[in-house]
PDB file of N, CA and C in Angstrom:
ATOM      1  N   MET A   1     -26.556   3.974 -34.263  1.00  0.00           N
ATOM      2  CA  MET A   1     -27.951   3.554 -33.313  1.00  0.00           C
ATOM      3  C   MET A   1     -27.532   4.004 -32.381  1.00  0.00           C
ATOM      4  N   LEU A   2     -28.792   4.034 -31.590  1.00  0.00           N
ATOM      5  CA  LEU A   2     -28.164   4.584 -29.681  1.00  0.00           C
ATOM      6  C   LEU A   2     -29.088   3.344 -29.358  1.00  0.00           C
ATOM      7  N   PRO A   3     -28.970   3.426 -28.180  1.00  0.00           N
ATOM      8  CA  PRO A   3     -30.091   2.549 -27.582  1.00  0.00           C
ATOM      9  C   PRO A   3     -30.810   2.970 -26.797  1.00  0.00           C
ATOM     10  N   ALA A   4     -32.116   1.952 -27.101  1.00  0.00           N
ATOM     11  CA  ALA A   4     -32.938   2.224 -26.692  1.00  0.00           C
ATOM     12  C   ALA A   4     -33.678   3.454 -26.416  1.00  0.00           C
ATOM     13  N   HIS A   5     -32.596   2.556 -24.948  1.00  0.00           N
ATOM     14  CA  HIS A   5     -33.255   4.510 -23.453  1.00  0.00           C
ATOM     15  C   HIS A   5     -32.734   5.458 -23.724  1.00  0.00           C
ATOM     16  N   THR A   6     -31.766   6.154 -24.939  1.00  0.00           N
ATOM     17  CA  THR A   6     -30.874   6.704 -24.609  1.00  0.00           C
ATOM     18  C   THR A   6     -31.629   7.685 -26.206  1.00  0.00           C
ATOM     19  N   ARG A   7     -32.167   6.806 -26.683  1.00  0.00           N
ATOM     20  CA  ARG A   7     -32.989   7.338 -27.928  1.00  0.00           C
ATOM     21  C   ARG A   7     -34.678   8.581 -27.096  1.00  0.00           C
ATOM     22  N   GLN A   8     -35.145   7.623 -26.333  1.00  0.00           N
ATOM     23  CA  GLN A   8     -37.208   7.778 -25.847  1.00  0.00           C
ATOM     24  C   GLN A   8     -36.123   9.295 -24.890  1.00  0.00           C
ATOM     25  N   ASN A   9     -34.819   9.461 -24.477  1.00  0.00           N
ATOM     26  CA  ASN A   9     -34.934  10.634 -23.404  1.00  0.00           C
ATOM     27  C   ASN A   9     -33.110  11.145 -23.372  1.00  0.00           C
ATOM     28  N   PRO A  10     -32.513  12.561 -24.623  1.00  0.00           N
ATOM     29  CA  PRO A  10     -31.917  12.734 -25.190  1.00  0.00           C
ATOM     30  C   PRO A  10     -31.041  12.599 -24.166  1.00  0.00           C
ATOM     31  N   PHE A  11     -31.209  13.238 -23.127  1.00  0.00           N
ATOM     32  CA  PHE A  11     -29.925  14.119 -21.931  1.00  0.00           C
ATOM     33  C   PHE A  11     -28.977  12.818 -20.848  1.00  0.00           C
ATOM     34  N   ILE A  12     -29.722  11.424 -21.631  1.00  0.00           N
ATOM     35  CA  ILE A  12     -28.860  10.410 -21.415  1.00  0.00           C
ATOM     36  C   ILE A  12     -27.565  11.001 -22.094  1.00  0.00           C
ATOM     37  N   VAL A  13     -26.458  10.527 -21.304  1.00  0.00           N
ATOM     38  CA  VAL A  13     -24.798  10.782 -21.625  1.00  0.00           C
ATOM     39  C   VAL A  13     -24.910   9.320 -21.523  1.00  0.00           C
ATOM     40  N   LEU A  14     -24.016   8.294 -22.559  1.00  0.00           N
ATOM     41  CA  LEU A  14     -23.542   6.963 -21.879  1.00  0.00           C
ATOM     42  C   LEU A  14     -21.526   7.128 -21.551  1.00  0.00           C
ATOM     43  N   VAL A  15     -21.366   6.998 -20.492  1.00  0.00           N
ATOM     44  CA  VAL A  15     -19.662   7.154 -20.363  1.00  0.00           C
ATOM     45  C   VAL A  15     -19.421   5.940 -20.091  1.00  0.00           C
ATOM     46  N   ASN A  16     -17.696   6.026 -21.157  1.00  0.00           N
ATOM     47  CA  ASN A  16     -16.835   5.078 -20.999  1.00  0.00           C
ATOM     48  C   ASN A  16     -15.919   5.539 -19.737  1.00  0.00           C
ATOM     49  N   PHE A  17     -15.927   4.444 -18.330  1.00  0.00           N
ATOM     50  CA  PHE A  17     -14.637   4.448 -17.377  1.00  0.00           C
ATOM     51  C   PHE A  17     -13.888   3.910 -17.545  1.00  0.00           C
ATOM     52  N   SER A  18     -13.639   3.135 -18.488  1.00  0.00           N
ATOM     53  CA  SER A  18     -12.681   2.083 -18.605  1.00  0.00           C
ATOM     54  C   SER A  18     -10.983   2.204 -19.155  1.00  0.00           C
ATOM     55  N   THR A  19     -10.088   2.102 -19.138  1.00  0.00           N
ATOM     56  CA  THR A  19      -8.559   2.420 -19.160  1.00  0.00           C
ATOM     57  C   THR A  19      -8.954   2.945 -20.281  1.00  0.00           C
ATOM     58  N   PRO A  20      -8.267   3.008 -20.750  1.00  0.00           N
ATOM     59  CA  PRO A  20      -7.636   3.551 -22.169  1.00  0.00           C
ATOM     60  C   PRO A  20      -6.383   2.396 -22.561  1.00  0.00           C
ATOM     61  N   PRO A  21      -6.483   2.323 -23.523  1.00  0.00           N
ATOM     62  CA  PRO A  21      -5.596   1.420 -23.705  1.00  0.00           C
ATOM     63  C   PRO A  21      -4.210   1.593 -24.036  1.00  0.00           C
ATOM     64  N   GLY A  22      -2.684   0.960 -23.129  1.00  0.00           N
ATOM     65  CA  GLY A  22      -2.212   1.488 -23.022  1.00  0.00           C
ATOM     66  C   GLY A  22      -1.404   1.886 -22.095  1.00  0.00           C
ATOM     67  N   VAL A  23      -2.281   2.485 -21.628  1.00  0.00           N
ATOM     68  CA  VAL A  23      -2.382   2.720 -19.653  1.00  0.00           C
ATOM     69  C   VAL A  23      -2.731   2.289 -18.915  1.00  0.00           C
ATOM     70  N   LYS A  24      -2.028   2.262 -17.964  1.00  0.00           N
ATOM     71  CA  LYS A  24      -1.373   0.372 -17.070  1.00  0.00           C
ATOM     72  C   LYS A  24      -2.646   1.019 -15.806  1.00  0.00           C
ATOM     73  N   PRO A  25      -4.363   0.351 -15.098  1.00  0.00           N
ATOM     74  CA  PRO A  25      -4.940   1.032 -14.587  1.00  0.00           C
ATOM     75  C   PRO A  25      -4.137   0.991 -12.616  1.00  0.00           C
ATOM     76  N   MET A  26      -4.586   1.999 -12.349  1.00  0.00           N
ATOM     77  CA  MET A  26      -3.957   2.788 -11.356  1.00  0.00           C
ATOM     78  C   MET A  26      -4.095   0.971 -10.114  1.00  0.00           C
ATOM     79  N   LYS A  27      -2.668   1.271  -9.456  1.00  0.00           N
ATOM     80  CA  LYS A  27      -3.477   0.371  -8.343  1.00  0.00           C
ATOM     81  C   LYS A  27      -3.999   0.136  -6.850  1.00  0.00           C
ATOM     82  N   LYS A  28      -4.563   0.085  -6.102  1.00  0.00           N
ATOM     83  CA  LYS A  28      -5.260   0.723  -5.046  1.00  0.00           C
ATOM     84  C   LYS A  28      -3.641   0.783  -4.065  1.00  0.00           C
ATOM     85  N   PRO A  29      -4.082   1.965  -3.607  1.00  0.00           N
ATOM     86  CA  PRO A  29      -3.228   1.856  -1.723  1.00  0.00           C
ATOM     87  C   PRO A  29      -3.295   0.882  -1.023  1.00  0.00           C
ATOM     88  N   ILE A  30      -2.260   0.566  -0.501  1.00  0.00           N
ATOM     89  CA  ILE A  30      -2.393  -0.484   0.875  1.00  0.00           C
ATOM     90  C   ILE A  30      -1.926  -0.219   1.817  1.00  0.00           C
ATOM     91  N   LEU A  31      -2.330   0.233   3.308  1.00  0.00           N
ATOM     92  CA  LEU A  31      -2.158   0.985   4.312  1.00  0.00           C
ATOM     93  C   LEU A  31      -2.152  -0.367   5.529  1.00  0.00           C
ATOM     94  N   LYS A  32      -1.259  -1.436   5.988  1.00  0.00           N
ATOM     95  CA  LYS A  32      -1.841  -2.235   7.009  1.00  0.00           C
ATOM     96  C   LYS A  32      -0.776  -1.762   8.312  1.00  0.00           C
ATOM     97  N   GLN A  33      -2.015  -2.010   9.404  1.00  0.00           N
ATOM     98  CA  GLN A  33      -0.991  -1.752  10.667  1.00  0.00           C
ATOM     99  C   GLN A  33      -0.847  -3.252  12.001  1.00  0.00           C
ATOM    100  N   LYS A  34       0.043  -3.523  12.078  1.00  0.00           N
ATOM    101  CA  LYS A  34       0.388  -4.711  13.176  1.00  0.00           C
ATOM    102  C   LYS A  34       0.532  -4.205  14.402  1.00  0.00           C
ATOM    103  N   ASN A  35      -0.548  -4.068  15.565  1.00  0.00           N
ATOM    104  CA  ASN A  35       0.213  -3.735  17.084  1.00  0.00           C
ATOM    105  C   ASN A  35       0.139  -5.192  17.976  1.00  0.00           C
ATOM    106  N   LEU A  36       1.621  -4.911  18.315  1.00  0.00           N
ATOM    107  CA  LEU A  36       2.151  -5.982  19.361  1.00  0.00           C
ATOM    108  C   LEU A  36       2.017  -5.221  20.990  1.00  0.00           C
ATOM    109  N   LYS A  37       2.403  -6.185  22.468  1.00  0.00           N
ATOM    110  CA  LYS A  37       2.420  -5.613  23.386  1.00  0.00           C
ATOM    111  C   LYS A  37       3.704  -4.613  22.907  1.00  0.00           C
ATOM    112  N   ASN A  38       4.915  -4.498  22.585  1.00  0.00           N
ATOM    113  CA  ASN A  38       5.699  -3.581  22.899  1.00  0.00           C
ATOM    114  C   ASN A  38       6.422  -3.448  21.100  1.00  0.00           C
ATOM    115  N   CYS A  39       5.589  -3.673  20.267  1.00  0.00           N
ATOM    116  CA  CYS A  39       6.276  -3.625  19.202  1.00  0.00           C
ATOM    117  C   CYS A  39       4.406  -3.172  17.792  1.00  0.00           C
ATOM    118  N   SER A  40       5.120  -1.873  17.192  1.00  0.00           N
ATOM    119  CA  SER A  40       4.364  -1.935  15.898  1.00  0.00           C
ATOM    120  C   SER A  40       4.397  -1.966  14.399  1.00  0.00           C
ATOM    121  N   PHE A  41       3.854  -2.485  13.675  1.00  0.00           N
ATOM    122  CA  PHE A  41       4.187  -2.184  12.537  1.00  0.00           C
ATOM    123  C   PHE A  41       3.290  -2.236  11.312  1.00  0.00           C
ATOM    124  N   ASP A  42       4.073  -1.073  10.066  1.00  0.00           N
ATOM    125  CA  ASP A  42       3.150  -0.342   9.710  1.00  0.00           C
ATOM    126  C   ASP A  42       3.564  -0.401   8.201  1.00  0.00           C
ATOM    127  N   PHE A  43       2.916  -0.640   6.830  1.00  0.00           N
ATOM    128  CA  PHE A  43       3.288  -0.878   6.068  1.00  0.00           C
ATOM    129  C   PHE A  43       2.353   0.073   4.789  1.00  0.00           C
ATOM    130  N   LYS A  44       2.958   0.630   3.983  1.00  0.00           N
ATOM    131  CA  LYS A  44       2.170   1.158   2.601  1.00  0.00           C
ATOM    132  C   LYS A  44       2.775   0.790   1.609  1.00  0.00           C
ATOM    133  N   ASN A  45       1.571   0.503   0.516  1.00  0.00           N
ATOM    134  CA  ASN A  45       2.126   0.427  -0.677  1.00  0.00           C
ATOM    135  C   ASN A  45       1.103   0.422  -2.042  1.00  0.00           C
ATOM    136  N   ASN A  46       1.639   0.635  -2.884  1.00  0.00           N
ATOM    137  CA  ASN A  46       1.190   1.086  -3.924  1.00  0.00           C
ATOM    138  C   ASN A  46       0.566   3.636  -3.697  1.00  0.00           C
ATOM    139  N   ASP A  47       1.336   3.670  -3.226  1.00  0.00           N
ATOM    140  CA  ASP A  47       1.321   5.251  -3.049  1.00  0.00           C
ATOM    141  C   ASP A  47       0.990   5.635  -4.782  1.00  0.00           C
ATOM    142  N   PRO A  48      -0.012   6.964  -4.900  1.00  0.00           N
ATOM    143  CA  PRO A  48      -0.372   6.897  -5.781  1.00  0.00           C
ATOM    144  C   PRO A  48       1.283   8.238  -6.121  1.00  0.00           C
ATOM    145  N   SER A  49       1.491   9.233  -5.244  1.00  0.00           N
ATOM    146  CA  SER A  49       2.226   9.974  -4.505  1.00  0.00           C
ATOM    147  C   SER A  49       4.330   9.455  -5.305  1.00  0.00           C
ATOM    148  N   LYS A  50       4.664   9.997  -6.403  1.00  0.00           N
ATOM    149  CA  LYS A  50       5.719   9.858  -6.993  1.00  0.00           C
ATOM    150  C   LYS A  50       7.024  10.205  -6.239  1.00  0.00           C
ATOM    151  N   LYS A  51       7.033  10.323  -4.925  1.00  0.00           N
ATOM    152  CA  LYS A  51       8.120  11.251  -3.573  1.00  0.00           C
ATOM    153  C   LYS A  51       8.703   9.954  -3.092  1.00  0.00           C
ATOM    154  N   ALA A  52       9.911  10.036  -2.442  1.00  0.00           N
ATOM    155  CA  ALA A  52      10.807   8.639  -2.589  1.00  0.00           C
ATOM    156  C   ALA A  52      10.929   8.645  -1.024  1.00  0.00           C
ATOM    157  N   GLY A  53       9.976   7.979  -0.245  1.00  0.00           N
ATOM    158  CA  GLY A  53       9.649   6.955   0.943  1.00  0.00           C
ATOM    159  C   GLY A  53       8.452   7.227   0.932  1.00  0.00           C
ATOM    160  N   ALA A  54       7.529   7.675  -0.026  1.00  0.00           N
ATOM    161  CA  ALA A  54       6.278   6.822  -0.157  1.00  0.00           C
ATOM    162  C   ALA A  54       5.686   5.587   0.511  1.00  0.00           C
ATOM    163  N   ASN A  55       6.449   4.904   0.375  1.00  0.00           N
ATOM    164  CA  ASN A  55       5.991   3.464   0.280  1.00  0.00           C
ATOM    165  C   ASN A  55       6.887   2.739   1.276  1.00  0.00           C
ATOM    166  N   TYR A  56       6.497   1.793   2.131  1.00  0.00           N
ATOM    167  CA  TYR A  56       6.946   1.631   3.209  1.00  0.00           C
ATOM    168  C   TYR A  56       6.795   0.395   3.882  1.00  0.00           C
ATOM    169  N   LEU A  57       8.034  -0.129   4.897  1.00  0.00           N
ATOM    170  CA  LEU A  57       8.155  -0.698   6.270  1.00  0.00           C
ATOM    171  C   LEU A  57       8.450  -0.396   6.686  1.00  0.00           C
ATOM    172  N   ARG A  58       7.835   0.076   7.973  1.00  0.00           N
ATOM    173  CA  ARG A  58       8.026   0.711   9.262  1.00  0.00           C
ATOM    174  C   ARG A  58       7.851  -0.102  11.071  1.00  0.00           C
ATOM    175  N   ILE A  59       8.859  -0.387  11.697  1.00  0.00           N
ATOM    176  CA  ILE A  59       9.245  -0.675  12.460  1.00  0.00           C
ATOM    177  C   ILE A  59       9.401  -0.073  13.721  1.00  0.00           C
ATOM    178  N   GLN A  60       8.369  -0.233  14.773  1.00  0.00           N
ATOM    179  CA  GLN A  60       8.343   0.738  15.677  1.00  0.00           C
ATOM    180  C   GLN A  60       8.653  -0.303  17.233  1.00  0.00           C
ATOM    181  N   ARG A  61       9.493   0.250  17.839  1.00  0.00           N
ATOM    182  CA  ARG A  61       9.944  -0.667  19.231  1.00  0.00           C
ATOM    183  C   ARG A  61       9.190   0.113  20.153  1.00  0.00           C
ATOM    184  N   GLU A  62       8.730   0.037  21.529  1.00  0.00           N
ATOM    185  CA  GLU A  62       7.946   1.189  22.613  1.00  0.00           C
ATOM    186  C   GLU A  62       9.226   0.667  23.263  1.00  0.00           C
ATOM    187  N   SER A  63       9.655   2.148  23.906  1.00  0.00           N
ATOM    188  CA  SER A  63      10.467   2.124  24.601  1.00  0.00           C
ATOM    189  C   SER A  63      10.180   2.081  25.664  1.00  0.00           C
ATOM    190  N   LYS A  64      10.409   1.688  27.520  1.00  0.00           N
ATOM    191  CA  LYS A  64       9.480   1.496  28.482  1.00  0.00           C
ATOM    192  C   LYS A  64      10.306   2.936  29.451  1.00  0.00           C
ATOM    193  N   ASP A  65      11.460   3.657  28.628  1.00  0.00           N
ATOM    194  CA  ASP A  65      11.758   4.719  29.406  1.00  0.00           C
ATOM    195  C   ASP A  65      11.200   6.358  28.868  1.00  0.00           C
ATOM    196  N   TYR A  66      10.858   7.621  29.219  1.00  0.00           N
ATOM    197  CA  TYR A  66      10.243   8.254  28.953  1.00  0.00           C
ATOM    198  C   TYR A  66      10.841   9.197  28.187  1.00  0.00           C
ATOM    199  N   MET A  67      12.062   9.251  28.615  1.00  0.00           N
ATOM    200  CA  MET A  67      13.282  10.130  28.406  1.00  0.00           C
ATOM    201  C   MET A  67      14.365   9.804  26.914  1.00  0.00           C
ATOM    202  N   VAL A  68      13.901   8.112  26.353  1.00  0.00           N
ATOM    203  CA  VAL A  68      13.942   7.778  25.264  1.00  0.00           C
ATOM    204  C   VAL A  68      13.292   7.490  24.757  1.00  0.00           C
ATOM    205  N   THR A  69      13.306   8.483  22.891  1.00  0.00           N
ATOM    206  CA  THR A  69      12.873   8.172  22.447  1.00  0.00           C
ATOM    207  C   THR A  69      12.196   6.789  22.064  1.00  0.00           C
ATOM    208  N   SER A  70      11.037   5.836  21.607  1.00  0.00           N
ATOM    209  CA  SER A  70      11.227   4.985  20.771  1.00  0.00           C
ATOM    210  C   SER A  70      11.547   4.587  19.445  1.00  0.00           C
ATOM    211  N   PRO A  71      12.885   3.508  19.342  1.00  0.00           N
ATOM    212  CA  PRO A  71      13.615   3.313  18.856  1.00  0.00           C
ATOM    213  C   PRO A  71      12.368   2.617  17.476  1.00  0.00           C
ATOM    214  N   GLU A  72      12.800   2.326  16.112  1.00  0.00           N
ATOM    215  CA  GLU A  72      12.079   2.476  14.700  1.00  0.00           C
ATOM    216  C   GLU A  72      12.514   2.509  13.539  1.00  0.00           C
ATOM    217  N   ILE A  73      12.876   2.090  12.391  1.00  0.00           N
ATOM    218  CA  ILE A  73      12.948   1.834  11.488  1.00  0.00           C
ATOM    219  C   ILE A  73      12.715   1.707  10.107  1.00  0.00           C
ATOM    220  N   LYS A  74      12.784   2.415   9.128  1.00  0.00           N
ATOM    221  CA  LYS A  74      11.427   2.825   7.955  1.00  0.00           C
ATOM    222  C   LYS A  74      12.768   1.564   6.802  1.00  0.00           C
ATOM    223  N   LEU A  75      12.031   0.807   6.376  1.00  0.00           N
ATOM    224  CA  LEU A  75      12.727   0.314   5.258  1.00  0.00           C
ATOM    225  C   LEU A  75      11.905   0.530   3.634  1.00  0.00           C
ATOM    226  N   SER A  76      12.940  -0.010   2.811  1.00  0.00           N
ATOM    227  CA  SER A  76      11.447   0.661   1.565  1.00  0.00           C
ATOM    228  C   SER A  76      10.753  -0.767   0.530  1.00  0.00           C
ATOM    229  N   ILE A  77      10.308  -0.851  -0.290  1.00  0.00           N
ATOM    230  CA  ILE A  77       9.660  -1.694   0.293  1.00  0.00           C
ATOM    231  C   ILE A  77      11.030  -3.174  -0.553  1.00  0.00           C
ATOM    232  N   THR A  78      12.064  -2.559  -1.199  1.00  0.00           N
ATOM    233  CA  THR A  78      13.136  -3.239  -1.956  1.00  0.00           C
ATOM    234  C   THR A  78      14.234  -4.148  -0.484  1.00  0.00           C
ATOM    235  N   GLU A  79      14.092  -3.131   0.242  1.00  0.00           N
ATOM    236  CA  GLU A  79      14.648  -3.346   1.421  1.00  0.00           C
ATOM    237  C   GLU A  79      13.453  -4.449   2.551  1.00  0.00           C
ATOM    238  N   ALA A  80      12.568  -4.097   2.774  1.00  0.00           N
ATOM    239  CA  ALA A  80      11.599  -4.975   2.876  1.00  0.00           C
ATOM    240  C   ALA A  80      11.159  -6.469   2.358  1.00  0.00           C
ATOM    241  N   LYS A  81      11.679  -6.516   0.657  1.00  0.00           N
ATOM    242  CA  LYS A  81      11.378  -7.988  -0.130  1.00  0.00           C
ATOM    243  C   LYS A  81      12.526  -8.837   1.079  1.00  0.00           C
ATOM    244  N   ALA A  82      13.552  -8.205   1.030  1.00  0.00           N
ATOM    245  CA  ALA A  82      14.964  -8.828   0.866  1.00  0.00           C
ATOM    246  C   ALA A  82      15.017  -9.157   2.257  1.00  0.00           C
ATOM    247  N   LEU A  83      14.423  -8.126   3.731  1.00  0.00           N
ATOM    248  CA  LEU A  83      14.009  -8.743   4.704  1.00  0.00           C
ATOM    249  C   LEU A  83      13.425  -9.916   5.163  1.00  0.00           C
ATOM    250  N   TYR A  84      12.495  -9.537   4.097  1.00  0.00           N
ATOM    251  CA  TYR A  84      11.436 -11.912   4.751  1.00  0.00           C
ATOM    252  C   TYR A  84      12.163 -12.359   3.864  1.00  0.00           C
ATOM    253  N   GLY A  85      12.913 -12.338   3.002  1.00  0.00           N
ATOM    254  CA  GLY A  85      13.282 -13.114   2.260  1.00  0.00           C
ATOM    255  C   GLY A  85      14.276 -13.852   2.860  1.00  0.00           C
ATOM    256  N   PHE A  86      15.220 -13.419   3.806  1.00  0.00           N
ATOM    257  CA  PHE A  86      16.290 -13.416   4.498  1.00  0.00           C
ATOM    258  C   PHE A  86      15.060 -14.295   5.874  1.00  0.00           C
ATOM    259  N   LEU A  87      14.397 -13.450   6.537  1.00  0.00           N
ATOM    260  CA  LEU A  87      14.025 -14.304   7.608  1.00  0.00           C
ATOM    261  C   LEU A  87      12.535 -15.715   6.823  1.00  0.00           C
ATOM    262  N   SER A  88      12.795 -15.733   5.986  1.00  0.00           N
ATOM    263  CA  SER A  88      12.011 -17.204   5.296  1.00  0.00           C
ATOM    264  C   SER A  88      13.384 -18.135   5.122  1.00  0.00           C
ATOM    265  N   GLU A  89      14.172 -17.715   4.684  1.00  0.00           N
ATOM    266  CA  GLU A  89      15.723 -18.776   4.618  1.00  0.00           C
ATOM    267  C   GLU A  89      15.714 -19.014   5.996  1.00  0.00           C
ATOM    268  N   SER A  90      15.853 -17.686   6.598  1.00  0.00           N
ATOM    269  CA  SER A  90      16.166 -18.174   8.267  1.00  0.00           C
ATOM    270  C   SER A  90      15.654 -19.144  10.205  1.00  0.00           C
ATOM    271  N   LEU A  91      14.643 -18.863   9.564  1.00  0.00           N
ATOM    272  CA  LEU A  91      13.808 -19.292  10.306  1.00  0.00           C
ATOM    273  C   LEU A  91      12.690 -20.162   9.475  1.00  0.00           C
ATOM    274  N   GLU A  92      12.930 -21.196   9.250  1.00  0.00           N
ATOM    275  CA  GLU A  92      12.582 -22.822   8.648  1.00  0.00           C
ATOM    276  C   GLU A  92      11.877 -23.409  10.342  1.00  0.00           C
ATOM    277  N   VAL A  93       9.995 -23.520   9.045  1.00  0.00           N
ATOM    278  CA  VAL A  93       9.322 -24.045  10.204  1.00  0.00           C
ATOM    279  C   VAL A  93       9.296 -25.500  10.005  1.00  0.00           C
ATOM    280  N   LYS A  94       9.722 -26.366  11.369  1.00  0.00           N
ATOM    281  CA  LYS A  94       9.744 -27.538  11.561  1.00  0.00           C
ATOM    282  C   LYS A  94       8.452 -28.294  11.789  1.00  0.00           C
TER     283      LYS A  94
END
């Protein structure tokens, strides 16, 4: 039996947008940026593409010399978590 509003108008179609059983719902991509005076941080995670290096933490230091490129380090999410653990251990707040 169809709901009352569809019986009155046969052109209304009910669509179910729920995720099928056994399929994981997609996570929303995360992109965060933080800029300081001499340093910038970029964080990207949950990228739907399966390319290597799509999810990362990038730390870039501004160079005062226009002839030298700004030094940059790009870490995978696994490496960034290891760095976070190390810094949390080492920089205890007292």
